[in-house]
mmCIF file of all heavy atoms, coordinates in Angstrom:
data_MODEL
# 
_entry.id   MODEL 
# 
loop_
_atom_site.group_PDB 
_atom_site.id 
_atom_site.type_symbol 
_atom_site.label_atom_id 
_atom_site.label_alt_id 
_atom_site.label_comp_id 
_atom_site.label_asym_id 
_atom_site.label_entity_id 
_atom_site.label_seq_id 
_atom_site.pdbx_PDB_ins_code 
_atom_site.Cartn_x 
_atom_site.Cartn_y 
_atom_site.Cartn_z 
_atom_site.occupancy 
_atom_site.B_iso_or_equiv 
_atom_site.pdbx_formal_charge 
_atom_site.auth_seq_id 
_atom_site.auth_comp_id 
_atom_site.auth_asym_id 
_atom_site.auth_atom_id 
_atom_site.pdbx_PDB_model_num 
ATOM 1   N N   . PHE A 1 1  ? -37.772 51.219 111.943 1.00 0.00 ? 1  PHE A N   1 
ATOM 2   C CA  . PHE A 1 1  ? -38.792 51.145 110.895 1.00 0.00 ? 1  PHE A CA  1 
ATOM 3   C C   . PHE A 1 1  ? -39.487 49.787 110.906 1.00 0.00 ? 1  PHE A C   1 
ATOM 4   O O   . PHE A 1 1  ? -40.721 49.710 110.833 1.00 0.00 ? 1  PHE A O   1 
ATOM 5   C CB  . PHE A 1 1  ? -38.175 51.410 109.517 1.00 0.00 ? 1  PHE A CB  1 
ATOM 6   C CG  . PHE A 1 1  ? -39.150 51.173 108.399 1.00 0.00 ? 1  PHE A CG  1 
ATOM 7   C CD1 . PHE A 1 1  ? -40.129 52.111 108.116 1.00 0.00 ? 1  PHE A CD1 1 
ATOM 8   C CD2 . PHE A 1 1  ? -39.120 49.999 107.661 1.00 0.00 ? 1  PHE A CD2 1 
ATOM 9   C CE1 . PHE A 1 1  ? -41.058 51.883 107.105 1.00 0.00 ? 1  PHE A CE1 1 
ATOM 10  C CE2 . PHE A 1 1  ? -40.032 49.771 106.659 1.00 0.00 ? 1  PHE A CE2 1 
ATOM 11  C CZ  . PHE A 1 1  ? -41.000 50.709 106.377 1.00 0.00 ? 1  PHE A CZ  1 
ATOM 12  N N   . CYS A 1 2  ? -38.694 48.712 110.996 1.00 0.00 ? 2  CYS A N   1 
ATOM 13  C CA  . CYS A 1 2  ? -39.286 47.369 111.027 1.00 0.00 ? 2  CYS A CA  1 
ATOM 14  C C   . CYS A 1 2  ? -40.196 47.199 112.241 1.00 0.00 ? 2  CYS A C   1 
ATOM 15  O O   . CYS A 1 2  ? -41.298 46.643 112.124 1.00 0.00 ? 2  CYS A O   1 
ATOM 16  C CB  . CYS A 1 2  ? -38.194 46.311 111.044 1.00 0.00 ? 2  CYS A CB  1 
ATOM 17  S SG  . CYS A 1 2  ? -37.286 46.187 109.497 1.00 0.00 ? 2  CYS A SG  1 
ATOM 18  N N   . ASN A 1 3  ? -39.752 47.685 113.389 1.00 0.00 ? 3  ASN A N   1 
ATOM 19  C CA  . ASN A 1 3  ? -40.540 47.590 114.617 1.00 0.00 ? 3  ASN A CA  1 
ATOM 20  C C   . ASN A 1 3  ? -41.874 48.307 114.460 1.00 0.00 ? 3  ASN A C   1 
ATOM 21  O O   . ASN A 1 3  ? -42.938 47.733 114.716 1.00 0.00 ? 3  ASN A O   1 
ATOM 22  C CB  . ASN A 1 3  ? -39.727 48.179 115.776 1.00 0.00 ? 3  ASN A CB  1 
ATOM 23  C CG  . ASN A 1 3  ? -40.438 48.083 117.104 1.00 0.00 ? 3  ASN A CG  1 
ATOM 24  O OD1 . ASN A 1 3  ? -41.481 47.456 117.247 1.00 0.00 ? 3  ASN A OD1 1 
ATOM 25  N ND2 . ASN A 1 3  ? -39.870 48.724 118.097 1.00 0.00 ? 3  ASN A ND2 1 
ATOM 26  N N   . TRP A 1 4  ? -41.845 49.547 114.024 1.00 0.00 ? 4  TRP A N   1 
ATOM 27  C CA  . TRP A 1 4  ? -43.081 50.323 113.909 1.00 0.00 ? 4  TRP A CA  1 
ATOM 28  C C   . TRP A 1 4  ? -43.957 49.830 112.771 1.00 0.00 ? 4  TRP A C   1 
ATOM 29  O O   . TRP A 1 4  ? -45.190 49.862 112.870 1.00 0.00 ? 4  TRP A O   1 
ATOM 30  C CB  . TRP A 1 4  ? -42.776 51.810 113.766 1.00 0.00 ? 4  TRP A CB  1 
ATOM 31  C CG  . TRP A 1 4  ? -42.390 52.397 115.085 1.00 0.00 ? 4  TRP A CG  1 
ATOM 32  C CD1 . TRP A 1 4  ? -41.139 52.768 115.476 1.00 0.00 ? 4  TRP A CD1 1 
ATOM 33  C CD2 . TRP A 1 4  ? -43.252 52.621 116.200 1.00 0.00 ? 4  TRP A CD2 1 
ATOM 34  N NE1 . TRP A 1 4  ? -41.178 53.213 116.773 1.00 0.00 ? 4  TRP A NE1 1 
ATOM 35  C CE2 . TRP A 1 4  ? -42.460 53.143 117.240 1.00 0.00 ? 4  TRP A CE2 1 
ATOM 36  C CE3 . TRP A 1 4  ? -44.610 52.432 116.427 1.00 0.00 ? 4  TRP A CE3 1 
ATOM 37  C CZ2 . TRP A 1 4  ? -42.990 53.475 118.479 1.00 0.00 ? 4  TRP A CZ2 1 
ATOM 38  C CZ3 . TRP A 1 4  ? -45.131 52.764 117.659 1.00 0.00 ? 4  TRP A CZ3 1 
ATOM 39  C CH2 . TRP A 1 4  ? -44.329 53.289 118.668 1.00 0.00 ? 4  TRP A CH2 1 
ATOM 40  N N   . ALA A 1 5  ? -43.353 49.358 111.678 1.00 0.00 ? 5  ALA A N   1 
ATOM 41  C CA  . ALA A 1 5  ? -44.151 48.815 110.570 1.00 0.00 ? 5  ALA A CA  1 
ATOM 42  C C   . ALA A 1 5  ? -44.897 47.560 111.019 1.00 0.00 ? 5  ALA A C   1 
ATOM 43  O O   . ALA A 1 5  ? -46.092 47.389 110.721 1.00 0.00 ? 5  ALA A O   1 
ATOM 44  C CB  . ALA A 1 5  ? -43.253 48.512 109.369 1.00 0.00 ? 5  ALA A CB  1 
ATOM 45  N N   . CYS A 1 6  ? -44.219 46.690 111.751 1.00 0.00 ? 6  CYS A N   1 
ATOM 46  C CA  . CYS A 1 6  ? -44.881 45.470 112.245 1.00 0.00 ? 6  CYS A CA  1 
ATOM 47  C C   . CYS A 1 6  ? -45.960 45.810 113.261 1.00 0.00 ? 6  CYS A C   1 
ATOM 48  O O   . CYS A 1 6  ? -47.043 45.202 113.255 1.00 0.00 ? 6  CYS A O   1 
ATOM 49  C CB  . CYS A 1 6  ? -43.857 44.520 112.837 1.00 0.00 ? 6  CYS A CB  1 
ATOM 50  S SG  . CYS A 1 6  ? -42.791 43.762 111.584 1.00 0.00 ? 6  CYS A SG  1 
ATOM 51  N N   . ASN A 1 7  ? -45.695 46.779 114.145 1.00 0.00 ? 7  ASN A N   1 
ATOM 52  C CA  . ASN A 1 7  ? -46.726 47.223 115.093 1.00 0.00 ? 7  ASN A CA  1 
ATOM 53  C C   . ASN A 1 7  ? -47.953 47.744 114.352 1.00 0.00 ? 7  ASN A C   1 
ATOM 54  O O   . ASN A 1 7  ? -49.096 47.445 114.725 1.00 0.00 ? 7  ASN A O   1 
ATOM 55  C CB  . ASN A 1 7  ? -46.190 48.322 116.011 1.00 0.00 ? 7  ASN A CB  1 
ATOM 56  C CG  . ASN A 1 7  ? -45.234 47.803 117.048 1.00 0.00 ? 7  ASN A CG  1 
ATOM 57  O OD1 . ASN A 1 7  ? -45.282 46.638 117.419 1.00 0.00 ? 7  ASN A OD1 1 
ATOM 58  N ND2 . ASN A 1 7  ? -44.356 48.662 117.514 1.00 0.00 ? 7  ASN A ND2 1 
ATOM 59  N N   . PHE A 1 8  ? -47.730 48.508 113.306 1.00 0.00 ? 8  PHE A N   1 
ATOM 60  C CA  . PHE A 1 8  ? -48.822 49.067 112.515 1.00 0.00 ? 8  PHE A CA  1 
ATOM 61  C C   . PHE A 1 8  ? -49.624 47.951 111.833 1.00 0.00 ? 8  PHE A C   1 
ATOM 62  O O   . PHE A 1 8  ? -50.855 47.944 111.873 1.00 0.00 ? 8  PHE A O   1 
ATOM 63  C CB  . PHE A 1 8  ? -48.266 50.043 111.470 1.00 0.00 ? 8  PHE A CB  1 
ATOM 64  C CG  . PHE A 1 8  ? -49.311 50.619 110.571 1.00 0.00 ? 8  PHE A CG  1 
ATOM 65  C CD1 . PHE A 1 8  ? -50.142 51.638 111.012 1.00 0.00 ? 8  PHE A CD1 1 
ATOM 66  C CD2 . PHE A 1 8  ? -49.476 50.143 109.272 1.00 0.00 ? 8  PHE A CD2 1 
ATOM 67  C CE1 . PHE A 1 8  ? -51.110 52.167 110.175 1.00 0.00 ? 8  PHE A CE1 1 
ATOM 68  C CE2 . PHE A 1 8  ? -50.441 50.666 108.440 1.00 0.00 ? 8  PHE A CE2 1 
ATOM 69  C CZ  . PHE A 1 8  ? -51.263 51.686 108.892 1.00 0.00 ? 8  PHE A CZ  1 
ATOM 70  N N   . ILE A 1 9  ? -48.921 46.998 111.237 1.00 0.00 ? 9  ILE A N   1 
ATOM 71  C CA  . ILE A 1 9  ? -49.598 45.900 110.536 1.00 0.00 ? 9  ILE A CA  1 
ATOM 72  C C   . ILE A 1 9  ? -50.436 45.076 111.511 1.00 0.00 ? 9  ILE A C   1 
ATOM 73  O O   . ILE A 1 9  ? -51.595 44.753 111.225 1.00 0.00 ? 9  ILE A O   1 
ATOM 74  C CB  . ILE A 1 9  ? -48.573 45.020 109.797 1.00 0.00 ? 9  ILE A CB  1 
ATOM 75  C CG1 . ILE A 1 9  ? -47.981 45.791 108.620 1.00 0.00 ? 9  ILE A CG1 1 
ATOM 76  C CG2 . ILE A 1 9  ? -49.192 43.714 109.327 1.00 0.00 ? 9  ILE A CG2 1 
ATOM 77  C CD1 . ILE A 1 9  ? -46.745 45.148 108.006 1.00 0.00 ? 9  ILE A CD1 1 
ATOM 78  N N   . VAL A 1 10 ? -49.863 44.731 112.660 1.00 0.00 ? 10 VAL A N   1 
ATOM 79  C CA  . VAL A 1 10 ? -50.616 43.955 113.655 1.00 0.00 ? 10 VAL A CA  1 
ATOM 80  C C   . VAL A 1 10 ? -51.820 44.750 114.136 1.00 0.00 ? 10 VAL A C   1 
ATOM 81  O O   . VAL A 1 10 ? -52.940 44.226 114.232 1.00 0.00 ? 10 VAL A O   1 
ATOM 82  C CB  . VAL A 1 10 ? -49.713 43.534 114.840 1.00 0.00 ? 10 VAL A CB  1 
ATOM 83  C CG1 . VAL A 1 10 ? -50.534 42.961 115.983 1.00 0.00 ? 10 VAL A CG1 1 
ATOM 84  C CG2 . VAL A 1 10 ? -48.682 42.518 114.376 1.00 0.00 ? 10 VAL A CG2 1 
ATOM 85  N N   . GLY A 1 11 ? -51.611 46.028 114.422 1.00 0.00 ? 11 GLY A N   1 
ATOM 86  C CA  . GLY A 1 11 ? -52.718 46.870 114.897 1.00 0.00 ? 11 GLY A CA  1 
ATOM 87  C C   . GLY A 1 11 ? -53.842 47.004 113.884 1.00 0.00 ? 11 GLY A C   1 
ATOM 88  O O   . GLY A 1 11 ? -55.021 46.992 114.250 1.00 0.00 ? 11 GLY A O   1 
ATOM 89  N N   . MET A 1 12 ? -53.493 47.124 112.624 1.00 0.00 ? 12 MET A N   1 
ATOM 90  C CA  . MET A 1 12 ? -54.510 47.306 111.588 1.00 0.00 ? 12 MET A CA  1 
ATOM 91  C C   . MET A 1 12 ? -55.200 45.995 111.206 1.00 0.00 ? 12 MET A C   1 
ATOM 92  O O   . MET A 1 12 ? -56.361 46.004 110.814 1.00 0.00 ? 12 MET A O   1 
ATOM 93  C CB  . MET A 1 12 ? -53.880 47.929 110.335 1.00 0.00 ? 12 MET A CB  1 
ATOM 94  C CG  . MET A 1 12 ? -53.395 49.351 110.550 1.00 0.00 ? 12 MET A CG  1 
ATOM 95  S SD  . MET A 1 12 ? -54.689 50.468 111.105 1.00 0.00 ? 12 MET A SD  1 
ATOM 96  C CE  . MET A 1 12 ? -55.668 50.611 109.651 1.00 0.00 ? 12 MET A CE  1 
ATOM 97  N N   . CYS A 1 13 ? -54.489 44.895 111.295 1.00 0.00 ? 13 CYS A N   1 
ATOM 98  C CA  . CYS A 1 13 ? -55.026 43.618 110.799 1.00 0.00 ? 13 CYS A CA  1 
ATOM 99  C C   . CYS A 1 13 ? -55.571 42.700 111.878 1.00 0.00 ? 13 CYS A C   1 
ATOM 100 O O   . CYS A 1 13 ? -56.255 41.724 111.554 1.00 0.00 ? 13 CYS A O   1 
ATOM 101 C CB  . CYS A 1 13 ? -53.936 42.872 110.023 1.00 0.00 ? 13 CYS A CB  1 
ATOM 102 S SG  . CYS A 1 13 ? -53.344 43.751 108.578 1.00 0.00 ? 13 CYS A SG  1 
ATOM 103 N N   . PHE A 1 14 ? -55.282 42.965 113.150 1.00 0.00 ? 14 PHE A N   1 
ATOM 104 C CA  . PHE A 1 14 ? -55.627 42.012 114.194 1.00 0.00 ? 14 PHE A CA  1 
ATOM 105 C C   . PHE A 1 14 ? -57.123 41.702 114.217 1.00 0.00 ? 14 PHE A C   1 
ATOM 106 O O   . PHE A 1 14 ? -57.514 40.543 114.320 1.00 0.00 ? 14 PHE A O   1 
ATOM 107 C CB  . PHE A 1 14 ? -55.175 42.495 115.572 1.00 0.00 ? 14 PHE A CB  1 
ATOM 108 C CG  . PHE A 1 14 ? -55.475 41.491 116.648 1.00 0.00 ? 14 PHE A CG  1 
ATOM 109 C CD1 . PHE A 1 14 ? -54.644 40.406 116.831 1.00 0.00 ? 14 PHE A CD1 1 
ATOM 110 C CD2 . PHE A 1 14 ? -56.595 41.610 117.444 1.00 0.00 ? 14 PHE A CD2 1 
ATOM 111 C CE1 . PHE A 1 14 ? -54.920 39.461 117.807 1.00 0.00 ? 14 PHE A CE1 1 
ATOM 112 C CE2 . PHE A 1 14 ? -56.886 40.672 118.416 1.00 0.00 ? 14 PHE A CE2 1 
ATOM 113 C CZ  . PHE A 1 14 ? -56.041 39.591 118.599 1.00 0.00 ? 14 PHE A CZ  1 
ATOM 114 N N   . GLN A 1 15 ? -57.958 42.708 114.128 1.00 0.00 ? 15 GLN A N   1 
ATOM 115 C CA  . GLN A 1 15 ? -59.405 42.466 114.214 1.00 0.00 ? 15 GLN A CA  1 
ATOM 116 C C   . GLN A 1 15 ? -59.894 41.569 113.070 1.00 0.00 ? 15 GLN A C   1 
ATOM 117 O O   . GLN A 1 15 ? -60.701 40.671 113.282 1.00 0.00 ? 15 GLN A O   1 
ATOM 118 C CB  . GLN A 1 15 ? -60.181 43.783 114.203 1.00 0.00 ? 15 GLN A CB  1 
ATOM 119 C CG  . GLN A 1 15 ? -61.665 43.618 114.441 1.00 0.00 ? 15 GLN A CG  1 
ATOM 120 C CD  . GLN A 1 15 ? -61.965 42.990 115.797 1.00 0.00 ? 15 GLN A CD  1 
ATOM 121 O OE1 . GLN A 1 15 ? -61.485 43.452 116.821 1.00 0.00 ? 15 GLN A OE1 1 
ATOM 122 N NE2 . GLN A 1 15 ? -62.753 41.933 115.798 1.00 0.00 ? 15 GLN A NE2 1 
ATOM 123 N N   . TYR A 1 16 ? -59.354 41.788 111.876 1.00 0.00 ? 16 TYR A N   1 
ATOM 124 C CA  . TYR A 1 16 ? -59.744 40.962 110.729 1.00 0.00 ? 16 TYR A CA  1 
ATOM 125 C C   . TYR A 1 16 ? -59.255 39.519 110.904 1.00 0.00 ? 16 TYR A C   1 
ATOM 126 O O   . TYR A 1 16 ? -59.976 38.567 110.587 1.00 0.00 ? 16 TYR A O   1 
ATOM 127 C CB  . TYR A 1 16 ? -59.191 41.551 109.426 1.00 0.00 ? 16 TYR A CB  1 
ATOM 128 C CG  . TYR A 1 16 ? -59.699 42.943 109.161 1.00 0.00 ? 16 TYR A CG  1 
ATOM 129 C CD1 . TYR A 1 16 ? -58.842 44.034 109.254 1.00 0.00 ? 16 TYR A CD1 1 
ATOM 130 C CD2 . TYR A 1 16 ? -61.033 43.174 108.841 1.00 0.00 ? 16 TYR A CD2 1 
ATOM 131 C CE1 . TYR A 1 16 ? -59.302 45.325 109.019 1.00 0.00 ? 16 TYR A CE1 1 
ATOM 132 C CE2 . TYR A 1 16 ? -61.506 44.460 108.603 1.00 0.00 ? 16 TYR A CE2 1 
ATOM 133 C CZ  . TYR A 1 16 ? -60.633 45.526 108.698 1.00 0.00 ? 16 TYR A CZ  1 
ATOM 134 O OH  . TYR A 1 16 ? -61.097 46.796 108.472 1.00 0.00 ? 16 TYR A OH  1 
ATOM 135 N N   . ILE A 1 17 ? -58.032 39.386 111.405 1.00 0.00 ? 17 ILE A N   1 
ATOM 136 C CA  . ILE A 1 17 ? -57.487 38.045 111.632 1.00 0.00 ? 17 ILE A CA  1 
ATOM 137 C C   . ILE A 1 17 ? -58.266 37.341 112.739 1.00 0.00 ? 17 ILE A C   1 
ATOM 138 O O   . ILE A 1 17 ? -58.556 36.145 112.650 1.00 0.00 ? 17 ILE A O   1 
ATOM 139 C CB  . ILE A 1 17 ? -55.983 38.119 111.962 1.00 0.00 ? 17 ILE A CB  1 
ATOM 140 C CG1 . ILE A 1 17 ? -55.221 38.670 110.752 1.00 0.00 ? 17 ILE A CG1 1 
ATOM 141 C CG2 . ILE A 1 17 ? -55.438 36.758 112.355 1.00 0.00 ? 17 ILE A CG2 1 
ATOM 142 C CD1 . ILE A 1 17 ? -53.774 39.017 111.042 1.00 0.00 ? 17 ILE A CD1 1 
ATOM 143 N N   . ALA A 1 18 ? -58.625 38.092 113.794 1.00 0.00 ? 18 ALA A N   1 
ATOM 144 C CA  . ALA A 1 18 ? -59.410 37.514 114.900 1.00 0.00 ? 18 ALA A CA  1 
ATOM 145 C C   . ALA A 1 18 ? -60.780 37.062 114.404 1.00 0.00 ? 18 ALA A C   1 
ATOM 146 O O   . ALA A 1 18 ? -61.270 36.000 114.802 1.00 0.00 ? 18 ALA A O   1 
ATOM 147 C CB  . ALA A 1 18 ? -59.549 38.517 116.035 1.00 0.00 ? 18 ALA A CB  1 
ATOM 148 N N   . ASP A 1 19 ? -61.401 37.857 113.536 1.00 0.00 ? 19 ASP A N   1 
ATOM 149 C CA  . ASP A 1 19 ? -62.695 37.460 112.972 1.00 0.00 ? 19 ASP A CA  1 
ATOM 150 C C   . ASP A 1 19 ? -62.554 36.207 112.108 1.00 0.00 ? 19 ASP A C   1 
ATOM 151 O O   . ASP A 1 19 ? -63.432 35.343 112.105 1.00 0.00 ? 19 ASP A O   1 
ATOM 152 C CB  . ASP A 1 19 ? -63.284 38.596 112.133 1.00 0.00 ? 19 ASP A CB  1 
ATOM 153 C CG  . ASP A 1 19 ? -63.707 39.790 112.974 1.00 0.00 ? 19 ASP A CG  1 
ATOM 154 O OD1 . ASP A 1 19 ? -63.864 39.635 114.209 1.00 0.00 ? 19 ASP A OD1 1 
ATOM 155 O OD2 . ASP A 1 19 ? -63.867 40.888 112.394 1.00 0.00 ? 19 ASP A OD2 1 
ATOM 156 N N   . LEU A 1 20 ? -61.451 36.100 111.401 1.00 0.00 ? 20 LEU A N   1 
ATOM 157 C CA  . LEU A 1 20 ? -61.212 34.966 110.515 1.00 0.00 ? 20 LEU A CA  1 
ATOM 158 C C   . LEU A 1 20 ? -60.837 33.698 111.291 1.00 0.00 ? 20 LEU A C   1 
ATOM 159 O O   . LEU A 1 20 ? -61.340 32.609 110.984 1.00 0.00 ? 20 LEU A O   1 
ATOM 160 C CB  . LEU A 1 20 ? -60.094 35.310 109.520 1.00 0.00 ? 20 LEU A CB  1 
ATOM 161 C CG  . LEU A 1 20 ? -59.762 34.288 108.461 1.00 0.00 ? 20 LEU A CG  1 
ATOM 162 C CD1 . LEU A 1 20 ? -60.928 34.133 107.488 1.00 0.00 ? 20 LEU A CD1 1 
ATOM 163 C CD2 . LEU A 1 20 ? -58.513 34.696 107.715 1.00 0.00 ? 20 LEU A CD2 1 
ATOM 164 N N   . CYS A 1 21 ? -59.997 33.825 112.297 1.00 0.00 ? 21 CYS A N   1 
ATOM 165 C CA  . CYS A 1 21 ? -59.468 32.650 113.015 1.00 0.00 ? 21 CYS A CA  1 
ATOM 166 C C   . CYS A 1 21 ? -60.226 32.310 114.287 1.00 0.00 ? 21 CYS A C   1 
ATOM 167 O O   . CYS A 1 21 ? -60.051 31.213 114.824 1.00 0.00 ? 21 CYS A O   1 
ATOM 168 C CB  . CYS A 1 21 ? -58.004 32.886 113.370 1.00 0.00 ? 21 CYS A CB  1 
ATOM 169 S SG  . CYS A 1 21 ? -56.943 33.078 111.941 1.00 0.00 ? 21 CYS A SG  1 
ATOM 170 N N   . GLY A 1 22 ? -61.007 33.237 114.785 1.00 0.00 ? 22 GLY A N   1 
ATOM 171 C CA  . GLY A 1 22 ? -61.748 32.986 116.014 1.00 0.00 ? 22 GLY A CA  1 
ATOM 172 C C   . GLY A 1 22 ? -60.823 32.788 117.196 1.00 0.00 ? 22 GLY A C   1 
ATOM 173 O O   . GLY A 1 22 ? -59.847 33.520 117.359 1.00 0.00 ? 22 GLY A O   1 
ATOM 174 N N   . PRO A 1 23 ? -61.078 31.770 118.017 1.00 0.00 ? 23 PRO A N   1 
ATOM 175 C CA  . PRO A 1 23 ? -60.269 31.581 119.226 1.00 0.00 ? 23 PRO A CA  1 
ATOM 176 C C   . PRO A 1 23 ? -58.832 31.131 118.943 1.00 0.00 ? 23 PRO A C   1 
ATOM 177 O O   . PRO A 1 23 ? -58.005 31.106 119.840 1.00 0.00 ? 23 PRO A O   1 
ATOM 178 C CB  . PRO A 1 23 ? -61.030 30.503 120.003 1.00 0.00 ? 23 PRO A CB  1 
ATOM 179 C CG  . PRO A 1 23 ? -61.811 29.769 118.988 1.00 0.00 ? 23 PRO A CG  1 
ATOM 180 C CD  . PRO A 1 23 ? -62.155 30.778 117.919 1.00 0.00 ? 23 PRO A CD  1 
ATOM 181 N N   . TYR A 1 24 ? -58.542 30.799 117.706 1.00 0.00 ? 24 TYR A N   1 
ATOM 182 C CA  . TYR A 1 24 ? -57.198 30.344 117.357 1.00 0.00 ? 24 TYR A CA  1 
ATOM 183 C C   . TYR A 1 24 ? -56.291 31.486 116.886 1.00 0.00 ? 24 TYR A C   1 
ATOM 184 O O   . TYR A 1 24 ? -55.209 31.235 116.365 1.00 0.00 ? 24 TYR A O   1 
ATOM 185 C CB  . TYR A 1 24 ? -57.271 29.266 116.274 1.00 0.00 ? 24 TYR A CB  1 
ATOM 186 C CG  . TYR A 1 24 ? -57.988 28.033 116.740 1.00 0.00 ? 24 TYR A CG  1 
ATOM 187 C CD1 . TYR A 1 24 ? -59.325 27.834 116.424 1.00 0.00 ? 24 TYR A CD1 1 
ATOM 188 C CD2 . TYR A 1 24 ? -57.346 27.087 117.521 1.00 0.00 ? 24 TYR A CD2 1 
ATOM 189 C CE1 . TYR A 1 24 ? -60.007 26.710 116.865 1.00 0.00 ? 24 TYR A CE1 1 
ATOM 190 C CE2 . TYR A 1 24 ? -58.013 25.955 117.977 1.00 0.00 ? 24 TYR A CE2 1 
ATOM 191 C CZ  . TYR A 1 24 ? -59.339 25.779 117.642 1.00 0.00 ? 24 TYR A CZ  1 
ATOM 192 O OH  . TYR A 1 24 ? -60.010 24.666 118.082 1.00 0.00 ? 24 TYR A OH  1 
# 
């Protein structure tokens, strides 16, 4: 559950975090 929940969170949030942090 922890593995799949973290995969889901990263998958759903990565684009927003990338837009916010840019190259960092």
